[in-house]
Amino acid sequence: MYKIKLDWKLGQDTDEWWNHVCAWAIEEFGLPGDTYKTELTEDYMIFNFNKKENAALMALRWGNN
């Protein structure tokens, strides 16, 4: 798995920003399950991708901590 970790508290901590991140991920990769899985912690939202290329695309678009 290829992890992309987005910090809740990096100044991007707005509802609108997170709505865009999640909507974009669903539009680009579909619902979590086959292509990627999500994991939530108190500090991060983690996207675990099966393919390196998808993780790279997510990181280029939204960053990676």
C-alpha atoms as a PDB file:
ATOM      1  CA  MET A   1       0.000   0.000   0.000  1.00  0.00           C
ATOM      2  CA  TYR A   2       1.084   3.547  -0.757  1.00  0.00           C
ATOM      3  CA  LYS A   3       0.097   6.043   1.937  1.00  0.00           C
ATOM      4  CA  ILE A   4      -0.866   9.663   1.492  1.00  0.00           C
ATOM      5  CA  LYS A   5      -1.305  11.398   4.817  1.00  0.00           C
ATOM      6  CA  LEU A   6      -3.122  14.728   5.085  1.00  0.00           C
ATOM      7  CA  ASP A   7      -2.828  16.604   8.362  1.00  0.00           C
ATOM      8  CA  TRP A   8      -6.061  18.035   9.769  1.00  0.00           C
ATOM      9  CA  LYS A   9      -4.211  21.014  11.250  1.00  0.00           C
ATOM     10  CA  LEU A  10      -1.988  22.380   8.473  1.00  0.00           C
ATOM     11  CA  GLY A  11      -4.015  25.503   7.817  1.00  0.00           C
ATOM     12  CA  GLN A  12      -6.137  23.634   5.251  1.00  0.00           C
ATOM     13  CA  ASP A  13      -8.433  22.789   8.133  1.00  0.00           C
ATOM     14  CA  THR A  14     -11.658  24.114   6.645  1.00  0.00           C
ATOM     15  CA  ASP A  15     -14.814  22.209   5.860  1.00  0.00           C
ATOM     16  CA  GLU A  16     -14.751  23.492   2.293  1.00  0.00           C
ATOM     17  CA  TRP A  17     -11.153  22.317   1.692  1.00  0.00           C
ATOM     18  CA  TRP A  18     -11.869  18.846   3.079  1.00  0.00           C
ATOM     19  CA  ASN A  19     -15.083  18.603   1.021  1.00  0.00           C
ATOM     20  CA  HIS A  20     -13.012  19.299  -2.094  1.00  0.00           C
ATOM     21  CA  VAL A  21     -10.371  16.717  -1.136  1.00  0.00           C
ATOM     22  CA  CYS A  22     -12.902  13.955  -0.478  1.00  0.00           C
ATOM     23  CA  ALA A  23     -15.104  14.769  -3.478  1.00  0.00           C
ATOM     24  CA  TRP A  24     -12.063  14.852  -5.776  1.00  0.00           C
ATOM     25  CA  ALA A  25     -10.816  11.495  -4.448  1.00  0.00           C
ATOM     26  CA  ILE A  26     -14.230   9.903  -5.053  1.00  0.00           C
ATOM     27  CA  GLU A  27     -14.526  11.412  -8.546  1.00  0.00           C
ATOM     28  CA  GLU A  28     -10.991  10.361  -9.492  1.00  0.00           C
ATOM     29  CA  PHE A  29     -10.728   6.928  -7.821  1.00  0.00           C
ATOM     30  CA  GLY A  30     -14.271   5.925  -6.852  1.00  0.00           C
ATOM     31  CA  LEU A  31     -15.510   5.085  -3.383  1.00  0.00           C
ATOM     32  CA  PRO A  32     -13.002   3.685  -0.900  1.00  0.00           C
ATOM     33  CA  GLY A  33     -12.654  -0.067  -1.124  1.00  0.00           C
ATOM     34  CA  ASP A  34     -11.003  -1.430  -4.260  1.00  0.00           C
ATOM     35  CA  THR A  35      -8.582   1.296  -5.364  1.00  0.00           C
ATOM     36  CA  TYR A  36      -7.862   2.826  -1.976  1.00  0.00           C
ATOM     37  CA  LYS A  37      -8.904   2.716   1.651  1.00  0.00           C
ATOM     38  CA  THR A  38      -9.086   5.557   4.130  1.00  0.00           C
ATOM     39  CA  GLU A  39      -8.001   5.682   7.723  1.00  0.00           C
ATOM     40  CA  LEU A  40      -8.866   8.452  10.162  1.00  0.00           C
ATOM     41  CA  THR A  41      -6.892   9.439  13.221  1.00  0.00           C
ATOM     42  CA  GLU A  42      -7.106  12.397  15.532  1.00  0.00           C
ATOM     43  CA  ASP A  43      -4.362  14.173  13.555  1.00  0.00           C
ATOM     44  CA  TYR A  44      -4.550  12.788  10.013  1.00  0.00           C
ATOM     45  CA  MET A  45      -6.655  11.384   7.232  1.00  0.00           C
ATOM     46  CA  ILE A  46      -4.699   8.661   5.476  1.00  0.00           C
ATOM     47  CA  PHE A  47      -5.411   7.408   1.973  1.00  0.00           C
ATOM     48  CA  ASN A  48      -3.923   3.948   1.374  1.00  0.00           C
ATOM     49  CA  PHE A  49      -3.634   3.319  -2.367  1.00  0.00           C
ATOM     50  CA  ASN A  50      -3.023  -0.009  -4.069  1.00  0.00           C
ATOM     51  CA  LYS A  51      -1.167   1.621  -6.974  1.00  0.00           C
ATOM     52  CA  LYS A  52       1.843   3.892  -6.751  1.00  0.00           C
ATOM     53  CA  GLU A  53       0.561   6.017  -9.656  1.00  0.00           C
ATOM     54  CA  ASN A  54      -2.701   6.815  -7.860  1.00  0.00           C
ATOM     55  CA  ALA A  55      -0.850   7.764  -4.688  1.00  0.00           C
ATOM     56  CA  ALA A  56       1.438  10.026  -6.712  1.00  0.00           C
ATOM     57  CA  LEU A  57      -1.549  11.738  -8.350  1.00  0.00           C
ATOM     58  CA  MET A  58      -3.176  12.317  -4.944  1.00  0.00           C
ATOM     59  CA  ALA A  59       0.072  13.665  -3.487  1.00  0.00           C
ATOM     60  CA  LEU A  60       0.612  16.013  -6.428  1.00  0.00           C
ATOM     61  CA  ARG A  61      -2.917  17.369  -6.147  1.00  0.00           C
ATOM     62  CA  TRP A  62      -3.295  17.654  -2.351  1.00  0.00           C
ATOM     63  CA  GLY A  63       0.151  17.156  -0.781  1.00  0.00           C
ATOM     64  CA  ASN A  64       1.506  14.498   1.529  1.00  0.00           C
ATOM     65  CA  ASN A  65       2.783  14.824   5.086  1.00  0.00           C
END
